[in-house]
């Protein structure tokens, strides 16, 4: 089970995606607006495991959404949906074949693509989790001392 933010501007397709993924036990947040989705990831970044989004969104594209998410320091994996074979080819060659679902797709293909993508990102996070805590977390954050306190 994963927490998935689904961003799709076609209401019928958003409903079909949502019902398919809910039937697999996933918890979903749904929106058709990419700007609203940015607010959601900022507020709920710790609980969202995956963003499933159309390339063609309004008022900004799926690519722009991912770029803005990265600019905010949010590192949530994104699985794209596209009905344009030229775009799916570019995504597949840049990010890997499993990073895009080509429209039209069946419920079975959606389930399979999401499951494979989640397995891939889970393997990556498990590998990071196997590192010593200090290596996985990076350098310790700088903490300010209370005023009047001297460093030892």
N, C-alpha and C. Protein backbone atom coordinates (compact mmCIF):
# COMPACT_ATOMS: atom_id res chain seq x y z
N UNK A 1 0.84 -1.18 0.00
CA UNK A 1 0.00 0.00 0.00
C UNK A 1 0.88 1.24 0.00
N UNK A 2 0.52 2.20 -0.83
CA UNK A 2 1.27 3.45 -0.93
C UNK A 2 0.30 4.63 -0.88
N UNK A 3 0.83 5.77 -0.48
CA UNK A 3 0.09 7.02 -0.54
C UNK A 3 0.46 7.67 -1.87
N UNK A 4 -0.53 7.83 -2.76
CA UNK A 4 -0.27 8.30 -4.12
C UNK A 4 -1.07 9.58 -4.36
N UNK A 5 -0.37 10.60 -4.84
CA UNK A 5 -1.01 11.83 -5.30
C UNK A 5 -1.25 11.65 -6.80
N UNK A 6 -2.52 11.69 -7.21
CA UNK A 6 -2.88 11.52 -8.62
C UNK A 6 -3.30 12.89 -9.16
N UNK A 7 -2.63 13.32 -10.23
CA UNK A 7 -2.95 14.60 -10.87
C UNK A 7 -3.31 14.32 -12.31
N UNK A 8 -4.58 14.46 -12.62
CA UNK A 8 -5.10 14.16 -13.97
C UNK A 8 -6.22 15.14 -14.25
N UNK A 9 -6.14 15.86 -15.39
CA UNK A 9 -7.14 16.88 -15.68
C UNK A 9 -8.39 16.37 -16.37
N UNK A 10 -8.43 15.11 -16.76
CA UNK A 10 -9.64 14.51 -17.33
C UNK A 10 -10.39 13.81 -16.20
N UNK A 11 -11.56 14.35 -15.83
CA UNK A 11 -12.30 13.84 -14.67
C UNK A 11 -12.62 12.35 -14.77
N UNK A 12 -13.04 11.90 -15.94
CA UNK A 12 -13.40 10.48 -16.10
C UNK A 12 -12.17 9.61 -15.87
N UNK A 13 -11.04 10.00 -16.46
CA UNK A 13 -9.81 9.22 -16.29
C UNK A 13 -9.33 9.28 -14.84
N UNK A 14 -9.45 10.44 -14.21
CA UNK A 14 -9.08 10.57 -12.79
C UNK A 14 -9.90 9.59 -11.95
N UNK A 15 -11.19 9.49 -12.22
CA UNK A 15 -12.05 8.55 -11.49
C UNK A 15 -11.66 7.10 -11.72
N UNK A 16 -11.35 6.75 -12.97
CA UNK A 16 -10.96 5.38 -13.29
C UNK A 16 -9.61 5.01 -12.64
N UNK A 17 -8.66 5.93 -12.72
CA UNK A 17 -7.35 5.69 -12.08
C UNK A 17 -7.54 5.51 -10.58
N UNK A 18 -8.31 6.39 -9.99
CA UNK A 18 -8.52 6.35 -8.54
C UNK A 18 -9.19 5.07 -8.09
N UNK A 19 -10.24 4.67 -8.78
CA UNK A 19 -10.94 3.45 -8.37
C UNK A 19 -10.05 2.22 -8.56
N UNK A 20 -9.26 2.21 -9.63
CA UNK A 20 -8.35 1.08 -9.87
C UNK A 20 -7.30 0.98 -8.77
N UNK A 21 -6.68 2.09 -8.42
CA UNK A 21 -5.61 2.07 -7.42
C UNK A 21 -6.15 1.85 -6.01
N UNK A 22 -7.34 2.38 -5.73
CA UNK A 22 -7.96 2.12 -4.41
C UNK A 22 -8.26 0.63 -4.24
N UNK A 23 -8.67 -0.01 -5.33
CA UNK A 23 -8.98 -1.44 -5.25
C UNK A 23 -7.73 -2.26 -4.93
N UNK A 24 -6.56 -1.69 -5.14
CA UNK A 24 -5.29 -2.34 -4.81
C UNK A 24 -4.83 -2.00 -3.39
N UNK A 25 -5.64 -1.18 -2.69
CA UNK A 25 -5.31 -0.83 -1.31
C UNK A 25 -4.51 0.45 -1.13
N UNK A 26 -4.27 1.18 -2.21
CA UNK A 26 -3.51 2.42 -2.10
C UNK A 26 -4.39 3.53 -1.55
N UNK A 27 -3.78 4.45 -0.82
CA UNK A 27 -4.45 5.64 -0.33
C UNK A 27 -4.15 6.77 -1.30
N UNK A 28 -5.18 7.49 -1.73
CA UNK A 28 -5.01 8.48 -2.78
C UNK A 28 -5.40 9.87 -2.36
N UNK A 29 -4.70 10.82 -2.93
CA UNK A 29 -5.08 12.22 -2.92
C UNK A 29 -5.26 12.55 -4.39
N UNK A 30 -6.38 13.14 -4.74
CA UNK A 30 -6.69 13.39 -6.15
C UNK A 30 -6.89 14.86 -6.41
N UNK A 31 -6.40 15.32 -7.55
CA UNK A 31 -6.66 16.68 -7.99
C UNK A 31 -6.49 16.75 -9.50
N UNK A 32 -7.13 17.72 -10.10
CA UNK A 32 -6.96 17.95 -11.53
C UNK A 32 -6.14 19.21 -11.78
N UNK A 33 -5.74 19.89 -10.72
CA UNK A 33 -5.03 21.16 -10.81
C UNK A 33 -3.59 21.02 -10.30
N UNK A 34 -2.63 21.28 -11.17
CA UNK A 34 -1.22 21.11 -10.81
C UNK A 34 -0.76 22.10 -9.75
N UNK A 35 -1.30 23.31 -9.74
CA UNK A 35 -0.92 24.30 -8.72
C UNK A 35 -1.44 23.85 -7.35
N UNK A 36 -2.66 23.36 -7.31
CA UNK A 36 -3.20 22.80 -6.06
C UNK A 36 -2.34 21.62 -5.60
N UNK A 37 -1.90 20.81 -6.55
CA UNK A 37 -1.06 19.66 -6.22
C UNK A 37 0.26 20.09 -5.59
N UNK A 38 0.83 21.21 -6.05
CA UNK A 38 2.05 21.72 -5.44
C UNK A 38 1.83 22.05 -3.97
N UNK A 39 0.71 22.68 -3.67
CA UNK A 39 0.38 22.99 -2.27
C UNK A 39 0.25 21.70 -1.46
N UNK A 40 -0.34 20.69 -2.06
CA UNK A 40 -0.52 19.41 -1.37
C UNK A 40 0.84 18.78 -1.05
N UNK A 41 1.75 18.75 -2.02
CA UNK A 41 3.04 18.11 -1.74
C UNK A 41 3.86 18.90 -0.74
N UNK A 42 3.72 20.20 -0.73
CA UNK A 42 4.43 21.01 0.27
C UNK A 42 3.91 20.67 1.66
N UNK A 43 2.59 20.60 1.81
CA UNK A 43 1.97 20.34 3.12
C UNK A 43 2.10 18.89 3.55
N UNK A 44 2.12 17.96 2.61
CA UNK A 44 2.04 16.54 2.97
C UNK A 44 3.20 15.71 2.40
N UNK A 45 4.34 16.34 2.18
CA UNK A 45 5.46 15.66 1.53
C UNK A 45 5.94 14.42 2.26
N UNK A 46 5.78 14.37 3.57
CA UNK A 46 6.23 13.22 4.33
C UNK A 46 5.35 11.99 4.13
N UNK A 47 4.11 12.21 3.69
CA UNK A 47 3.21 11.06 3.55
C UNK A 47 2.96 10.62 2.11
N UNK A 48 3.40 11.39 1.14
CA UNK A 48 3.18 11.02 -0.26
C UNK A 48 4.37 10.18 -0.75
N UNK A 49 4.09 8.96 -1.20
CA UNK A 49 5.13 8.05 -1.69
C UNK A 49 5.38 8.19 -3.18
N UNK A 50 4.36 8.61 -3.91
CA UNK A 50 4.44 8.64 -5.36
C UNK A 50 3.49 9.70 -5.90
N UNK A 51 3.94 10.41 -6.94
CA UNK A 51 3.06 11.31 -7.69
C UNK A 51 2.83 10.67 -9.05
N UNK A 52 1.58 10.41 -9.36
CA UNK A 52 1.17 9.86 -10.66
C UNK A 52 0.50 11.01 -11.39
N UNK A 53 1.10 11.47 -12.50
CA UNK A 53 0.59 12.68 -13.12
C UNK A 53 0.64 12.64 -14.64
N UNK A 54 -0.33 13.33 -15.22
CA UNK A 54 -0.38 13.48 -16.66
C UNK A 54 0.67 14.49 -17.07
N UNK A 55 1.22 14.34 -18.26
CA UNK A 55 2.17 15.30 -18.78
C UNK A 55 1.44 16.60 -19.12
N UNK A 56 0.24 16.46 -19.68
CA UNK A 56 -0.55 17.63 -20.11
C UNK A 56 -1.51 18.05 -19.00
N UNK A 57 -1.05 18.93 -18.13
CA UNK A 57 -1.87 19.44 -17.04
C UNK A 57 -2.12 20.93 -17.25
N UNK A 58 -2.98 21.48 -16.44
CA UNK A 58 -3.26 22.91 -16.44
C UNK A 58 -3.15 23.40 -15.01
N UNK A 59 -2.75 24.54 -14.71
CA UNK A 59 -2.22 25.57 -15.61
C UNK A 59 -0.74 25.38 -15.95
N UNK A 60 -0.08 24.39 -15.36
CA UNK A 60 1.31 24.09 -15.71
C UNK A 60 1.40 22.62 -16.12
N UNK A 61 2.41 22.29 -16.89
CA UNK A 61 2.56 20.91 -17.36
C UNK A 61 3.06 20.00 -16.24
N UNK A 62 2.98 18.70 -16.49
CA UNK A 62 3.52 17.74 -15.53
C UNK A 62 5.01 17.90 -15.34
N UNK A 63 5.72 18.24 -16.43
CA UNK A 63 7.16 18.47 -16.33
C UNK A 63 7.46 19.68 -15.44
N UNK A 64 6.70 20.74 -15.64
CA UNK A 64 6.89 21.95 -14.83
C UNK A 64 6.55 21.67 -13.36
N UNK A 65 5.53 20.85 -13.13
CA UNK A 65 5.18 20.47 -11.76
C UNK A 65 6.35 19.79 -11.07
N UNK A 66 6.96 18.82 -11.75
CA UNK A 66 8.10 18.08 -11.17
C UNK A 66 9.28 19.03 -10.95
N UNK A 67 9.51 19.94 -11.89
CA UNK A 67 10.59 20.92 -11.74
C UNK A 67 10.35 21.80 -10.51
N UNK A 68 9.14 22.29 -10.34
CA UNK A 68 8.83 23.14 -9.17
C UNK A 68 8.92 22.36 -7.86
N UNK A 69 8.51 21.11 -7.90
CA UNK A 69 8.63 20.27 -6.71
C UNK A 69 10.10 20.15 -6.31
N UNK A 70 10.97 19.92 -7.30
CA UNK A 70 12.41 19.81 -7.04
C UNK A 70 12.98 21.13 -6.53
N UNK A 71 12.51 22.24 -7.08
CA UNK A 71 12.98 23.56 -6.64
C UNK A 71 12.64 23.80 -5.18
N UNK A 72 11.56 23.19 -4.71
CA UNK A 72 11.16 23.32 -3.31
C UNK A 72 11.86 22.29 -2.41
N UNK A 73 12.75 21.51 -3.01
CA UNK A 73 13.49 20.51 -2.25
C UNK A 73 12.69 19.26 -1.92
N UNK A 74 11.63 19.03 -2.68
CA UNK A 74 10.77 17.87 -2.45
C UNK A 74 11.17 16.77 -3.42
N UNK A 75 11.53 15.63 -2.89
CA UNK A 75 12.02 14.51 -3.70
C UNK A 75 11.06 13.33 -3.62
N UNK A 76 9.92 13.48 -4.31
CA UNK A 76 8.93 12.42 -4.37
C UNK A 76 8.98 11.85 -5.79
N UNK A 77 9.11 10.54 -5.94
CA UNK A 77 9.15 9.95 -7.28
C UNK A 77 7.89 10.26 -8.08
N UNK A 78 8.06 10.48 -9.39
CA UNK A 78 6.94 10.81 -10.27
C UNK A 78 6.84 9.78 -11.39
N UNK A 79 5.63 9.30 -11.59
CA UNK A 79 5.30 8.38 -12.68
C UNK A 79 4.36 9.14 -13.62
N UNK A 80 4.82 9.35 -14.86
CA UNK A 80 4.06 10.15 -15.82
C UNK A 80 3.06 9.31 -16.60
N UNK A 81 2.00 10.00 -17.06
CA UNK A 81 1.00 9.44 -17.96
C UNK A 81 0.98 10.34 -19.19
N UNK A 82 0.99 9.75 -20.38
CA UNK A 82 0.93 10.57 -21.58
C UNK A 82 0.25 9.82 -22.71
N UNK A 83 -0.47 10.57 -23.50
CA UNK A 83 -1.12 10.02 -24.68
C UNK A 83 -0.35 10.34 -25.95
N UNK A 84 0.81 10.97 -25.81
CA UNK A 84 1.61 11.36 -26.96
C UNK A 84 2.83 10.45 -27.06
N UNK A 85 2.88 9.63 -28.11
CA UNK A 85 3.96 8.64 -28.22
C UNK A 85 5.33 9.30 -28.28
N UNK A 86 5.44 10.46 -28.89
CA UNK A 86 6.73 11.16 -28.93
C UNK A 86 7.19 11.54 -27.53
N UNK A 87 6.26 11.98 -26.71
CA UNK A 87 6.58 12.37 -25.33
C UNK A 87 6.92 11.14 -24.50
N UNK A 88 6.15 10.07 -24.67
CA UNK A 88 6.44 8.86 -23.88
C UNK A 88 7.81 8.31 -24.25
N UNK A 89 8.19 8.42 -25.51
CA UNK A 89 9.51 7.97 -25.93
C UNK A 89 10.62 8.77 -25.29
N UNK A 90 10.44 10.08 -25.21
CA UNK A 90 11.45 10.94 -24.58
C UNK A 90 11.55 10.62 -23.09
N UNK A 91 10.41 10.48 -22.42
CA UNK A 91 10.42 10.15 -20.99
C UNK A 91 11.10 8.80 -20.77
N UNK A 92 10.72 7.82 -21.57
CA UNK A 92 11.28 6.47 -21.42
C UNK A 92 12.79 6.48 -21.65
N UNK A 93 13.26 7.22 -22.65
CA UNK A 93 14.70 7.24 -22.92
C UNK A 93 15.47 8.05 -21.89
N UNK A 94 14.82 9.03 -21.27
CA UNK A 94 15.49 9.87 -20.28
C UNK A 94 15.42 9.28 -18.88
N UNK A 95 14.22 8.87 -18.47
CA UNK A 95 14.00 8.42 -17.10
C UNK A 95 13.85 6.90 -16.96
N UNK A 96 13.75 6.21 -18.07
CA UNK A 96 13.55 4.77 -18.04
C UNK A 96 12.15 4.40 -18.48
N UNK A 97 12.03 3.23 -19.06
CA UNK A 97 10.76 2.77 -19.62
C UNK A 97 9.64 2.75 -18.58
N UNK A 98 9.96 2.42 -17.34
CA UNK A 98 8.94 2.32 -16.30
C UNK A 98 8.48 3.64 -15.74
N UNK A 99 9.01 4.78 -16.23
CA UNK A 99 8.65 6.09 -15.69
C UNK A 99 7.46 6.72 -16.38
N UNK A 100 6.87 6.00 -17.35
CA UNK A 100 5.74 6.56 -18.08
C UNK A 100 4.75 5.45 -18.42
N UNK A 101 3.47 5.82 -18.34
CA UNK A 101 2.38 4.94 -18.76
C UNK A 101 1.76 5.61 -19.98
N UNK A 102 1.69 4.87 -21.08
CA UNK A 102 1.15 5.44 -22.31
C UNK A 102 -0.36 5.24 -22.38
N UNK A 103 -1.09 6.33 -22.68
CA UNK A 103 -2.53 6.25 -22.91
C UNK A 103 -2.75 5.75 -24.32
N UNK A 104 -3.81 5.03 -24.57
CA UNK A 104 -4.76 4.49 -23.58
C UNK A 104 -4.15 3.27 -22.90
N UNK A 105 -4.57 3.05 -21.67
CA UNK A 105 -4.09 1.89 -20.93
C UNK A 105 -5.26 1.22 -20.24
N UNK A 106 -5.08 -0.05 -19.91
CA UNK A 106 -6.11 -0.81 -19.21
C UNK A 106 -5.89 -0.69 -17.71
N UNK A 107 -6.90 -1.06 -16.95
CA UNK A 107 -6.77 -1.07 -15.48
C UNK A 107 -5.64 -2.01 -15.07
N UNK A 108 -5.54 -3.14 -15.75
CA UNK A 108 -4.48 -4.10 -15.47
C UNK A 108 -3.10 -3.51 -15.72
N UNK A 109 -2.95 -2.81 -16.85
CA UNK A 109 -1.66 -2.19 -17.17
C UNK A 109 -1.31 -1.10 -16.16
N UNK A 110 -2.32 -0.35 -15.71
CA UNK A 110 -2.09 0.68 -14.69
C UNK A 110 -1.61 0.04 -13.39
N UNK A 111 -2.33 -1.00 -12.95
CA UNK A 111 -1.93 -1.68 -11.71
C UNK A 111 -0.50 -2.20 -11.81
N UNK A 112 -0.19 -2.83 -12.94
CA UNK A 112 1.13 -3.42 -13.14
C UNK A 112 2.21 -2.34 -13.17
N UNK A 113 1.97 -1.25 -13.88
CA UNK A 113 2.97 -0.17 -13.98
C UNK A 113 3.24 0.47 -12.62
N UNK A 114 2.17 0.73 -11.87
CA UNK A 114 2.33 1.34 -10.55
C UNK A 114 3.05 0.38 -9.61
N UNK A 115 2.69 -0.90 -9.64
CA UNK A 115 3.34 -1.89 -8.78
C UNK A 115 4.84 -1.99 -9.10
N UNK A 116 5.19 -2.04 -10.37
CA UNK A 116 6.60 -2.12 -10.76
C UNK A 116 7.36 -0.87 -10.34
N UNK A 117 6.75 0.28 -10.53
CA UNK A 117 7.41 1.55 -10.18
C UNK A 117 7.61 1.63 -8.67
N UNK A 118 6.59 1.25 -7.90
CA UNK A 118 6.72 1.27 -6.44
C UNK A 118 7.78 0.29 -5.96
N UNK A 119 7.84 -0.89 -6.60
CA UNK A 119 8.86 -1.87 -6.23
C UNK A 119 10.26 -1.31 -6.50
N UNK A 120 10.40 -0.61 -7.60
CA UNK A 120 11.69 -0.02 -7.96
C UNK A 120 12.10 1.04 -6.94
N UNK A 121 11.19 1.93 -6.58
CA UNK A 121 11.57 2.97 -5.62
C UNK A 121 11.73 2.40 -4.22
N UNK A 122 11.02 1.33 -3.90
CA UNK A 122 11.19 0.69 -2.60
C UNK A 122 12.55 0.00 -2.51
N UNK A 123 12.99 -0.61 -3.59
CA UNK A 123 14.33 -1.22 -3.60
C UNK A 123 15.40 -0.16 -3.37
N UNK A 124 15.22 0.99 -4.01
CA UNK A 124 16.19 2.07 -3.87
C UNK A 124 16.19 2.60 -2.44
N UNK A 125 15.02 2.80 -1.83
CA UNK A 125 14.98 3.32 -0.46
C UNK A 125 15.46 2.28 0.54
N UNK A 126 15.24 1.00 0.25
CA UNK A 126 15.75 -0.07 1.12
C UNK A 126 17.27 -0.09 1.08
N UNK A 127 17.84 0.12 -0.09
CA UNK A 127 19.30 0.15 -0.21
C UNK A 127 19.86 1.33 0.59
N UNK A 128 19.21 2.47 0.52
CA UNK A 128 19.64 3.63 1.30
C UNK A 128 19.47 3.34 2.78
N UNK A 129 18.36 2.69 3.15
CA UNK A 129 18.11 2.37 4.55
C UNK A 129 19.12 1.39 5.12
N UNK A 130 19.78 0.62 4.25
CA UNK A 130 20.78 -0.35 4.71
C UNK A 130 22.09 0.33 5.08
N UNK A 131 22.27 1.57 4.64
CA UNK A 131 23.48 2.30 4.99
C UNK A 131 23.44 2.70 6.46
N UNK A 132 24.60 2.94 7.06
CA UNK A 132 24.58 3.48 8.42
C UNK A 132 23.77 4.75 8.44
N UNK A 133 23.06 4.98 9.51
CA UNK A 133 22.15 6.12 9.60
C UNK A 133 22.82 7.44 9.20
N UNK A 134 24.04 7.66 9.63
CA UNK A 134 24.73 8.91 9.31
C UNK A 134 24.97 9.04 7.80
N UNK A 135 25.28 7.94 7.13
CA UNK A 135 25.53 8.00 5.69
C UNK A 135 24.24 8.21 4.92
N UNK A 136 23.15 7.58 5.36
CA UNK A 136 21.87 7.72 4.67
C UNK A 136 21.30 9.12 4.85
N UNK A 137 21.50 9.69 6.03
CA UNK A 137 20.92 10.99 6.33
C UNK A 137 21.78 12.14 5.82
N UNK A 138 23.05 11.89 5.54
CA UNK A 138 23.94 12.97 5.14
C UNK A 138 24.51 13.63 6.36
N UNK A 139 25.12 14.79 6.20
CA UNK A 139 25.74 15.43 7.34
C UNK A 139 24.70 15.88 8.36
N UNK A 140 25.12 15.91 9.62
CA UNK A 140 24.20 16.35 10.68
C UNK A 140 23.83 17.80 10.46
N UNK A 141 22.57 18.17 10.71
CA UNK A 141 22.16 19.56 10.51
C UNK A 141 22.84 20.46 11.53
N UNK A 142 23.09 21.71 11.14
CA UNK A 142 23.66 22.70 12.05
C UNK A 142 22.57 23.15 13.00
N UNK A 143 22.87 23.17 14.24
CA UNK A 143 21.90 23.62 15.24
C UNK A 143 22.46 24.83 15.96
N UNK A 144 21.67 25.83 16.07
CA UNK A 144 22.11 27.04 16.77
C UNK A 144 22.09 26.79 18.27
N UNK A 145 23.05 27.36 18.95
CA UNK A 145 23.09 27.24 20.40
C UNK A 145 22.21 28.31 21.01
N UNK A 146 21.60 28.05 22.16
CA UNK A 146 20.82 29.11 22.82
C UNK A 146 21.74 30.29 23.10
N UNK A 147 21.18 31.50 23.10
CA UNK A 147 22.00 32.68 23.32
C UNK A 147 22.69 32.59 24.68
N UNK A 148 23.92 33.04 24.72
CA UNK A 148 24.69 33.02 25.95
C UNK A 148 25.42 31.70 26.16
N UNK A 149 25.21 30.70 25.27
CA UNK A 149 25.85 29.40 25.40
C UNK A 149 27.07 29.37 24.50
N UNK A 150 28.16 28.81 24.98
CA UNK A 150 29.37 28.71 24.18
C UNK A 150 29.54 27.27 23.72
N UNK A 151 30.06 27.12 22.53
CA UNK A 151 30.33 25.78 22.01
C UNK A 151 31.47 25.15 22.77
N UNK A 152 31.41 23.85 23.00
CA UNK A 152 32.47 23.16 23.76
C UNK A 152 33.68 22.92 22.92
